[in-house]
């Protein structure tokens, strides 16, 4: 699989554009199989490279603002495309939920309509992602407060088994995925969420029962917090699944995204 700063494939239909947002330590290449499968179902798929991760270590940005700007640029390029404007479904994974939420501000259907625009961010289809209220930081795997003090400016990735223990370690998928992990800006990882996106766009959430990076009870707590604030979350649960179903459970992840986009599959 050849790596690129962003991947995009033109849709043949008027389906919404899928923008996948990778998480900490990951790169667009990790979502190649998911992107290819969604493209085969007629979607245009874009996977922007977050600058807090996907650069040479000396070039990685110091906080999450550039991540938000990168995602927002990708969204607006679709919403306001002069030739073929299109709605967007955001598909964040893990940390990617935090800058994705920040990027949504003012791009929901009500805000766009008030500005005389016809396209908008239609929904967030989260894959074991941090969907948080404004001002809240990411936590540890078990929901414990994340402690930044004493950490270096760049954090190397944790053991790959935390991300995909359900992918055979001897497989090419595992080897390639591990090889493509990269250092992550510590400041970006600890940045608080900049916007409560769940208040203005529909949220769909794919939970993974055996997730070792974002434990199942933490995923449930995020969903419960959104519901307690009076908002609807459609959920699906993958049993015996780790943190990266886009690698270990591709067909089910594809079906989840398609249903989040309004298909009956």
C-alpha atoms as a PDB file:
ATOM      1  CA  UNK A   1       0.000   0.000   0.000  1.00  0.00           C
ATOM      2  CA  UNK A   2       1.524   3.300  -1.076  1.00  0.00           C
ATOM      3  CA  UNK A   3       1.347   6.112   1.458  1.00  0.00           C
ATOM      4  CA  UNK A   4       0.039   9.577   0.633  1.00  0.00           C
ATOM      5  CA  UNK A   5      -0.761  12.765   2.518  1.00  0.00           C
ATOM      6  CA  UNK A   6      -4.422  12.318   1.676  1.00  0.00           C
ATOM      7  CA  UNK A   7      -6.398   9.822  -0.337  1.00  0.00           C
ATOM      8  CA  UNK A   8      -9.466  10.573  -2.413  1.00  0.00           C
ATOM      9  CA  UNK A   9     -11.557   8.654  -4.910  1.00  0.00           C
ATOM     10  CA  UNK A  10     -14.359  10.232  -6.915  1.00  0.00           C
ATOM     11  CA  UNK A  11     -17.870   8.966  -6.258  1.00  0.00           C
ATOM     12  CA  UNK A  12     -20.164   8.138  -9.142  1.00  0.00           C
ATOM     13  CA  UNK A  13     -23.305   9.094  -7.209  1.00  0.00           C
ATOM     14  CA  UNK A  14     -24.723  11.905  -5.101  1.00  0.00           C
ATOM     15  CA  UNK A  15     -23.987  10.039  -1.885  1.00  0.00           C
ATOM     16  CA  UNK A  16     -22.341  12.127   0.847  1.00  0.00           C
ATOM     17  CA  UNK A  17     -18.586  12.348   0.868  1.00  0.00           C
ATOM     18  CA  UNK A  18     -16.961  10.251   3.586  1.00  0.00           C
ATOM     19  CA  UNK A  19     -14.099  11.992   5.391  1.00  0.00           C
ATOM     20  CA  UNK A  20     -12.195   9.563   7.598  1.00  0.00           C
ATOM     21  CA  UNK A  21     -10.121  11.112  10.382  1.00  0.00           C
ATOM     22  CA  UNK A  22      -7.346   8.947  11.760  1.00  0.00           C
ATOM     23  CA  UNK A  23      -6.386   8.847  15.405  1.00  0.00           C
ATOM     24  CA  UNK A  24      -3.189   9.329  17.388  1.00  0.00           C
ATOM     25  CA  UNK A  25      -0.052   7.690  15.992  1.00  0.00           C
ATOM     26  CA  UNK A  26      -1.937   6.567  12.883  1.00  0.00           C
ATOM     27  CA  UNK A  27      -1.785   7.703   9.255  1.00  0.00           C
ATOM     28  CA  UNK A  28      -4.175   7.673   6.289  1.00  0.00           C
ATOM     29  CA  UNK A  29      -2.558   4.454   5.040  1.00  0.00           C
ATOM     30  CA  UNK A  30      -4.093   2.550   7.954  1.00  0.00           C
ATOM     31  CA  UNK A  31      -7.536   3.195   6.441  1.00  0.00           C
ATOM     32  CA  UNK A  32      -6.698   2.047   2.919  1.00  0.00           C
ATOM     33  CA  UNK A  33      -8.819  -1.098   3.052  1.00  0.00           C
ATOM     34  CA  UNK A  34     -11.830   0.680   4.552  1.00  0.00           C
ATOM     35  CA  UNK A  35     -11.521   3.512   2.026  1.00  0.00           C
ATOM     36  CA  UNK A  36     -11.291   1.105  -0.891  1.00  0.00           C
ATOM     37  CA  UNK A  37     -14.346  -0.822   0.275  1.00  0.00           C
ATOM     38  CA  UNK A  38     -16.446   2.332   0.718  1.00  0.00           C
ATOM     39  CA  UNK A  39     -15.345   3.577  -2.703  1.00  0.00           C
ATOM     40  CA  UNK A  40     -16.588   0.319  -4.209  1.00  0.00           C
ATOM     41  CA  UNK A  41     -20.026   1.197  -2.818  1.00  0.00           C
ATOM     42  CA  UNK A  42     -20.076   4.518  -4.659  1.00  0.00           C
ATOM     43  CA  UNK A  43     -18.687   6.921  -2.065  1.00  0.00           C
ATOM     44  CA  UNK A  44     -16.055   9.540  -2.495  1.00  0.00           C
ATOM     45  CA  UNK A  45     -13.631   8.965   0.387  1.00  0.00           C
ATOM     46  CA  UNK A  46     -11.055  11.413   1.722  1.00  0.00           C
ATOM     47  CA  UNK A  47      -8.541  10.650   4.474  1.00  0.00           C
ATOM     48  CA  UNK A  48      -6.628  13.836   5.372  1.00  0.00           C
ATOM     49  CA  UNK A  49      -3.284  13.482   7.124  1.00  0.00           C
ATOM     50  CA  UNK A  50      -3.320  15.181  10.520  1.00  0.00           C
ATOM     51  CA  UNK A  51      -0.171  17.311  10.931  1.00  0.00           C
ATOM     52  CA  UNK A  52       0.117  16.388  14.614  1.00  0.00           C
ATOM     53  CA  UNK A  53       1.044  12.874  13.472  1.00  0.00           C
ATOM     54  CA  UNK A  54       1.753  12.437   9.794  1.00  0.00           C
ATOM     55  CA  UNK A  55       4.979  14.389   9.305  1.00  0.00           C
ATOM     56  CA  UNK A  56       8.642  13.940  10.007  1.00  0.00           C
ATOM     57  CA  UNK A  57       9.111  14.195  13.809  1.00  0.00           C
ATOM     58  CA  UNK A  58      10.811  17.591  13.595  1.00  0.00           C
ATOM     59  CA  UNK A  59       7.863  18.999  11.633  1.00  0.00           C
ATOM     60  CA  UNK A  60       4.970  17.782  13.793  1.00  0.00           C
ATOM     61  CA  UNK A  61       2.759  20.657  14.896  1.00  0.00           C
ATOM     62  CA  UNK A  62       2.749  21.641  18.579  1.00  0.00           C
ATOM     63  CA  UNK A  63      -1.014  21.422  19.218  1.00  0.00           C
ATOM     64  CA  UNK A  64      -4.363  20.347  17.804  1.00  0.00           C
ATOM     65  CA  UNK A  65      -5.283  23.599  16.037  1.00  0.00           C
ATOM     66  CA  UNK A  66      -3.647  22.502  12.799  1.00  0.00           C
ATOM     67  CA  UNK A  67      -5.517  19.196  12.972  1.00  0.00           C
ATOM     68  CA  UNK A  68      -8.819  21.060  13.241  1.00  0.00           C
ATOM     69  CA  UNK A  69      -7.841  23.328  10.342  1.00  0.00           C
ATOM     70  CA  UNK A  70      -6.838  20.354   8.183  1.00  0.00           C
ATOM     71  CA  UNK A  71     -10.143  18.569   8.757  1.00  0.00           C
ATOM     72  CA  UNK A  72     -12.162  21.738   8.261  1.00  0.00           C
ATOM     73  CA  UNK A  73     -10.367  22.461   4.987  1.00  0.00           C
ATOM     74  CA  UNK A  74     -11.248  18.970   3.726  1.00  0.00           C
ATOM     75  CA  UNK A  75     -14.893  19.428   4.761  1.00  0.00           C
ATOM     76  CA  UNK A  76     -15.289  22.848   3.160  1.00  0.00           C
ATOM     77  CA  UNK A  77     -13.657  21.666  -0.053  1.00  0.00           C
ATOM     78  CA  UNK A  78     -16.578  19.231  -0.389  1.00  0.00           C
ATOM     79  CA  UNK A  79     -19.378  21.431   0.945  1.00  0.00           C
ATOM     80  CA  UNK A  80     -18.432  24.397  -1.244  1.00  0.00           C
ATOM     81  CA  UNK A  81     -17.057  22.643  -4.317  1.00  0.00           C
ATOM     82  CA  UNK A  82     -17.978  24.895  -7.240  1.00  0.00           C
ATOM     83  CA  UNK A  83     -18.724  22.042  -9.634  1.00  0.00           C
ATOM     84  CA  UNK A  84     -20.301  19.472  -7.332  1.00  0.00           C
ATOM     85  CA  UNK A  85     -20.961  20.522  -3.713  1.00  0.00           C
ATOM     86  CA  UNK A  86     -21.688  17.593  -1.466  1.00  0.00           C
ATOM     87  CA  UNK A  87     -22.753  16.786   2.088  1.00  0.00           C
ATOM     88  CA  UNK A  88     -20.188  15.172   4.382  1.00  0.00           C
ATOM     89  CA  UNK A  89     -20.184  12.285   6.838  1.00  0.00           C
ATOM     90  CA  UNK A  90     -17.244  12.518   9.255  1.00  0.00           C
ATOM     91  CA  UNK A  91     -15.797   9.159  10.314  1.00  0.00           C
ATOM     92  CA  UNK A  92     -13.295   9.770  13.126  1.00  0.00           C
ATOM     93  CA  UNK A  93     -11.332   7.101  14.945  1.00  0.00           C
ATOM     94  CA  UNK A  94     -10.038   7.416  18.511  1.00  0.00           C
ATOM     95  CA  UNK A  95      -8.287  10.795  19.073  1.00  0.00           C
ATOM     96  CA  UNK A  96      -9.623  11.880  15.688  1.00  0.00           C
ATOM     97  CA  UNK A  97     -12.979  12.544  17.320  1.00  0.00           C
ATOM     98  CA  UNK A  98     -11.591  15.567  19.179  1.00  0.00           C
ATOM     99  CA  UNK A  99     -10.326  17.663  16.238  1.00  0.00           C
ATOM    100  CA  UNK A 100     -13.272  16.436  14.149  1.00  0.00           C
ATOM    101  CA  UNK A 101     -15.647  17.911  16.714  1.00  0.00           C
ATOM    102  CA  UNK A 102     -13.790  21.213  16.607  1.00  0.00           C
ATOM    103  CA  UNK A 103     -13.909  21.261  12.816  1.00  0.00           C
ATOM    104  CA  UNK A 104     -17.716  20.944  12.729  1.00  0.00           C
ATOM    105  CA  UNK A 105     -18.440  24.337  14.321  1.00  0.00           C
ATOM    106  CA  UNK A 106     -20.745  26.308  12.013  1.00  0.00           C
ATOM    107  CA  UNK A 107     -20.940  23.532   9.411  1.00  0.00           C
ATOM    108  CA  UNK A 108     -24.104  21.768  10.639  1.00  0.00           C
ATOM    109  CA  UNK A 109     -27.257  21.930   8.532  1.00  0.00           C
ATOM    110  CA  UNK A 110     -28.944  24.700  10.542  1.00  0.00           C
ATOM    111  CA  UNK A 111     -25.874  26.959  10.517  1.00  0.00           C
ATOM    112  CA  UNK A 112     -25.230  26.361   6.838  1.00  0.00           C
ATOM    113  CA  UNK A 113     -28.868  27.001   5.916  1.00  0.00           C
ATOM    114  CA  UNK A 114     -28.791  30.267   7.858  1.00  0.00           C
ATOM    115  CA  UNK A 115     -25.781  31.235   5.752  1.00  0.00           C
ATOM    116  CA  UNK A 116     -27.643  30.422   2.546  1.00  0.00           C
ATOM    117  CA  UNK A 117     -25.809  27.143   1.934  1.00  0.00           C
ATOM    118  CA  UNK A 118     -27.397  23.850   0.884  1.00  0.00           C
ATOM    119  CA  UNK A 119     -24.679  21.421   1.980  1.00  0.00           C
ATOM    120  CA  UNK A 120     -23.516  20.539   5.492  1.00  0.00           C
ATOM    121  CA  UNK A 121     -21.899  17.987   7.733  1.00  0.00           C
ATOM    122  CA  UNK A 122     -24.709  15.490   7.916  1.00  0.00           C
ATOM    123  CA  UNK A 123     -23.424  13.221  10.701  1.00  0.00           C
ATOM    124  CA  UNK A 124     -20.491  11.887  12.681  1.00  0.00           C
ATOM    125  CA  UNK A 125     -19.983   8.124  12.391  1.00  0.00           C
ATOM    126  CA  UNK A 126     -17.501   7.467  15.183  1.00  0.00           C
ATOM    127  CA  UNK A 127     -15.329   4.359  15.240  1.00  0.00           C
ATOM    128  CA  UNK A 128     -14.369   3.892  18.912  1.00  0.00           C
ATOM    129  CA  UNK A 129     -13.690   7.626  18.921  1.00  0.00           C
ATOM    130  CA  UNK A 130     -13.467  10.326  21.581  1.00  0.00           C
ATOM    131  CA  UNK A 131     -16.703  12.270  21.094  1.00  0.00           C
ATOM    132  CA  UNK A 132     -16.520  14.754  23.947  1.00  0.00           C
ATOM    133  CA  UNK A 133     -18.177  17.945  25.168  1.00  0.00           C
ATOM    134  CA  UNK A 134     -16.343  21.203  24.684  1.00  0.00           C
ATOM    135  CA  UNK A 135     -13.546  21.675  27.211  1.00  0.00           C
ATOM    136  CA  UNK A 136     -13.037  17.985  28.011  1.00  0.00           C
ATOM    137  CA  UNK A 137      -9.721  16.196  27.426  1.00  0.00           C
ATOM    138  CA  UNK A 138      -9.021  12.687  26.296  1.00  0.00           C
ATOM    139  CA  UNK A 139      -8.610  10.132  29.090  1.00  0.00           C
ATOM    140  CA  UNK A 140      -6.509   7.016  29.586  1.00  0.00           C
ATOM    141  CA  UNK A 141      -7.709   3.622  28.304  1.00  0.00           C
ATOM    142  CA  UNK A 142      -9.768   2.950  31.449  1.00  0.00           C
ATOM    143  CA  UNK A 143     -11.171   6.466  31.694  1.00  0.00           C
ATOM    144  CA  UNK A 144      -8.579   7.628  34.211  1.00  0.00           C
ATOM    145  CA  UNK A 145      -7.388  11.248  33.936  1.00  0.00           C
ATOM    146  CA  UNK A 146      -4.576  11.513  31.415  1.00  0.00           C
ATOM    147  CA  UNK A 147      -1.423  13.003  32.939  1.00  0.00           C
ATOM    148  CA  UNK A 148       0.794  15.127  30.689  1.00  0.00           C
ATOM    149  CA  UNK A 149       3.398  16.273  33.212  1.00  0.00           C
ATOM    150  CA  UNK A 150       6.844  14.896  32.509  1.00  0.00           C
ATOM    151  CA  UNK A 151       6.012  13.655  29.018  1.00  0.00           C
ATOM    152  CA  UNK A 152       8.209  14.539  26.034  1.00  0.00           C
ATOM    153  CA  UNK A 153       6.989  16.872  23.285  1.00  0.00           C
ATOM    154  CA  UNK A 154       6.582  13.871  21.008  1.00  0.00           C
ATOM    155  CA  UNK A 155       5.042  10.606  22.162  1.00  0.00           C
ATOM    156  CA  UNK A 156       6.085   7.404  20.465  1.00  0.00           C
ATOM    157  CA  UNK A 157       3.279   4.915  19.800  1.00  0.00           C
ATOM    158  CA  UNK A 158       2.420   2.355  22.472  1.00  0.00           C
ATOM    159  CA  UNK A 159       2.718  -1.381  21.716  1.00  0.00           C
ATOM    160  CA  UNK A 160       0.747  -2.263  18.607  1.00  0.00           C
ATOM    161  CA  UNK A 161      -1.203  -4.914  20.497  1.00  0.00           C
ATOM    162  CA  UNK A 162      -3.095  -2.073  22.192  1.00  0.00           C
ATOM    163  CA  UNK A 163      -4.541  -1.139  18.797  1.00  0.00           C
ATOM    164  CA  UNK A 164      -5.147  -4.440  17.024  1.00  0.00           C
ATOM    165  CA  UNK A 165      -4.699  -7.461  19.254  1.00  0.00           C
ATOM    166  CA  UNK A 166      -7.393  -9.176  17.189  1.00  0.00           C
ATOM    167  CA  UNK A 167      -5.300  -9.013  13.988  1.00  0.00           C
ATOM    168  CA  UNK A 168      -2.929 -12.013  13.620  1.00  0.00           C
ATOM    169  CA  UNK A 169       0.558 -10.799  14.551  1.00  0.00           C
ATOM    170  CA  UNK A 170       2.127 -12.783  11.706  1.00  0.00           C
ATOM    171  CA  UNK A 171      -0.135 -11.243   9.064  1.00  0.00           C
ATOM    172  CA  UNK A 172       0.917  -8.661   6.465  1.00  0.00           C
ATOM    173  CA  UNK A 173      -1.910  -6.421   7.696  1.00  0.00           C
ATOM    174  CA  UNK A 174      -0.417  -6.356  11.207  1.00  0.00           C
ATOM    175  CA  UNK A 175       3.141  -5.858   9.957  1.00  0.00           C
ATOM    176  CA  UNK A 176       2.218  -2.967   7.651  1.00  0.00           C
ATOM    177  CA  UNK A 177       0.024  -1.315  10.270  1.00  0.00           C
ATOM    178  CA  UNK A 178       2.758  -1.472  12.898  1.00  0.00           C
ATOM    179  CA  UNK A 179       5.395  -0.186  10.460  1.00  0.00           C
ATOM    180  CA  UNK A 180       3.276   2.856   9.619  1.00  0.00           C
ATOM    181  CA  UNK A 181       2.703   4.067  13.177  1.00  0.00           C
ATOM    182  CA  UNK A 182       4.325   7.428  13.855  1.00  0.00           C
ATOM    183  CA  UNK A 183       5.156   9.738  16.752  1.00  0.00           C
ATOM    184  CA  UNK A 184       2.402  12.064  17.983  1.00  0.00           C
ATOM    185  CA  UNK A 185       2.422  15.629  19.302  1.00  0.00           C
ATOM    186  CA  UNK A 186       1.842  15.362  23.046  1.00  0.00           C
ATOM    187  CA  UNK A 187       0.241  18.814  23.186  1.00  0.00           C
ATOM    188  CA  UNK A 188      -2.250  17.901  20.462  1.00  0.00           C
ATOM    189  CA  UNK A 189      -3.162  14.653  22.194  1.00  0.00           C
ATOM    190  CA  UNK A 190      -3.926  16.513  25.417  1.00  0.00           C
ATOM    191  CA  UNK A 191      -5.749  19.437  23.813  1.00  0.00           C
ATOM    192  CA  UNK A 192      -9.322  19.808  25.094  1.00  0.00           C
ATOM    193  CA  UNK A 193     -12.226  19.388  22.725  1.00  0.00           C
ATOM    194  CA  UNK A 194     -13.066  22.755  21.127  1.00  0.00           C
ATOM    195  CA  UNK A 195     -16.754  22.175  20.313  1.00  0.00           C
ATOM    196  CA  UNK A 196     -19.638  19.910  21.393  1.00  0.00           C
ATOM    197  CA  UNK A 197     -20.405  18.697  17.874  1.00  0.00           C
ATOM    198  CA  UNK A 198     -22.968  16.169  19.104  1.00  0.00           C
ATOM    199  CA  UNK A 199     -25.263  19.078  19.944  1.00  0.00           C
ATOM    200  CA  UNK A 200     -25.711  20.019  16.282  1.00  0.00           C
ATOM    201  CA  UNK A 201     -25.123  16.898  14.156  1.00  0.00           C
ATOM    202  CA  UNK A 202     -26.352  13.311  14.368  1.00  0.00           C
ATOM    203  CA  UNK A 203     -23.945  10.881  16.003  1.00  0.00           C
ATOM    204  CA  UNK A 204     -23.549   7.199  15.173  1.00  0.00           C
ATOM    205  CA  UNK A 205     -21.126   5.231  17.340  1.00  0.00           C
ATOM    206  CA  UNK A 206     -19.406   1.909  16.644  1.00  0.00           C
ATOM    207  CA  UNK A 207     -18.339   0.356  19.944  1.00  0.00           C
ATOM    208  CA  UNK A 208     -15.702  -2.397  20.164  1.00  0.00           C
ATOM    209  CA  UNK A 209     -16.168  -4.793  23.065  1.00  0.00           C
ATOM    210  CA  UNK A 210     -12.498  -5.810  23.475  1.00  0.00           C
ATOM    211  CA  UNK A 211     -10.893  -2.427  22.772  1.00  0.00           C
ATOM    212  CA  UNK A 212      -7.641  -2.136  24.744  1.00  0.00           C
ATOM    213  CA  UNK A 213      -6.930   1.523  23.901  1.00  0.00           C
ATOM    214  CA  UNK A 214     -10.365   2.958  24.705  1.00  0.00           C
ATOM    215  CA  UNK A 215     -12.056   0.434  26.966  1.00  0.00           C
ATOM    216  CA  UNK A 216     -15.650  -0.559  26.326  1.00  0.00           C
ATOM    217  CA  UNK A 217     -16.967   1.072  29.498  1.00  0.00           C
ATOM    218  CA  UNK A 218     -15.312   4.351  28.456  1.00  0.00           C
ATOM    219  CA  UNK A 219     -17.000   4.161  25.068  1.00  0.00           C
ATOM    220  CA  UNK A 220     -20.322   3.483  26.819  1.00  0.00           C
ATOM    221  CA  UNK A 221     -19.740   6.456  29.123  1.00  0.00           C
ATOM    222  CA  UNK A 222     -19.243   8.791  26.160  1.00  0.00           C
ATOM    223  CA  UNK A 223     -22.468   7.592  24.563  1.00  0.00           C
ATOM    224  CA  UNK A 224     -24.312   7.890  27.880  1.00  0.00           C
ATOM    225  CA  UNK A 225     -23.007  11.440  28.437  1.00  0.00           C
ATOM    226  CA  UNK A 226     -24.370  12.547  25.053  1.00  0.00           C
ATOM    227  CA  UNK A 227     -27.746  10.930  25.714  1.00  0.00           C
ATOM    228  CA  UNK A 228     -27.968  12.475  29.180  1.00  0.00           C
ATOM    229  CA  UNK A 229     -27.635  15.871  27.505  1.00  0.00           C
ATOM    230  CA  UNK A 230     -30.741  15.117  25.477  1.00  0.00           C
ATOM    231  CA  UNK A 231     -29.207  14.000  22.187  1.00  0.00           C
ATOM    232  CA  UNK A 232     -29.731  10.787  20.234  1.00  0.00           C
ATOM    233  CA  UNK A 233     -26.866   8.413  19.478  1.00  0.00           C
ATOM    234  CA  UNK A 234     -27.334   5.406  17.220  1.00  0.00           C
ATOM    235  CA  UNK A 235     -24.980   2.631  18.331  1.00  0.00           C
ATOM    236  CA  UNK A 236     -23.649  -0.653  17.029  1.00  0.00           C
ATOM    237  CA  UNK A 237     -21.435  -3.049  19.002  1.00  0.00           C
ATOM    238  CA  UNK A 238     -18.767  -5.346  17.589  1.00  0.00           C
ATOM    239  CA  UNK A 239     -18.163  -8.294  19.886  1.00  0.00           C
ATOM    240  CA  UNK A 240     -14.646  -9.720  20.315  1.00  0.00           C
ATOM    241  CA  UNK A 241     -13.238  -6.672  18.517  1.00  0.00           C
ATOM    242  CA  UNK A 242     -10.240  -4.492  19.329  1.00  0.00           C
ATOM    243  CA  UNK A 243      -9.597  -0.780  18.839  1.00  0.00           C
ATOM    244  CA  UNK A 244      -9.216  -0.933  15.056  1.00  0.00           C
ATOM    245  CA  UNK A 245     -12.189  -2.605  13.342  1.00  0.00           C
ATOM    246  CA  UNK A 246     -11.162  -0.861  10.113  1.00  0.00           C
ATOM    247  CA  UNK A 247      -8.359  -3.459  10.053  1.00  0.00           C
ATOM    248  CA  UNK A 248      -9.866  -6.495  11.781  1.00  0.00           C
ATOM    249  CA  UNK A 249     -13.573  -6.212  10.898  1.00  0.00           C
ATOM    250  CA  UNK A 250     -13.717  -4.351   7.609  1.00  0.00           C
ATOM    251  CA  UNK A 251     -17.094  -5.623   6.283  1.00  0.00           C
ATOM    252  CA  UNK A 252     -18.888  -4.743   9.525  1.00  0.00           C
ATOM    253  CA  UNK A 253     -17.210  -1.327   9.662  1.00  0.00           C
ATOM    254  CA  UNK A 254     -18.196  -0.622   6.062  1.00  0.00           C
ATOM    255  CA  UNK A 255     -21.797  -1.582   6.832  1.00  0.00           C
ATOM    256  CA  UNK A 256     -21.794   0.706   9.884  1.00  0.00           C
ATOM    257  CA  UNK A 257     -20.603   3.675   7.830  1.00  0.00           C
ATOM    258  CA  UNK A 258     -23.119   2.965   5.079  1.00  0.00           C
ATOM    259  CA  UNK A 259     -25.973   2.816   7.589  1.00  0.00           C
ATOM    260  CA  UNK A 260     -24.715   6.055   9.144  1.00  0.00           C
ATOM    261  CA  UNK A 261     -24.948   7.609   5.687  1.00  0.00           C
ATOM    262  CA  UNK A 262     -28.586   6.535   5.411  1.00  0.00           C
ATOM    263  CA  UNK A 263     -28.362   3.230   3.568  1.00  0.00           C
ATOM    264  CA  UNK A 264     -30.474   0.259   4.636  1.00  0.00           C
ATOM    265  CA  UNK A 265     -27.900  -2.519   4.614  1.00  0.00           C
END
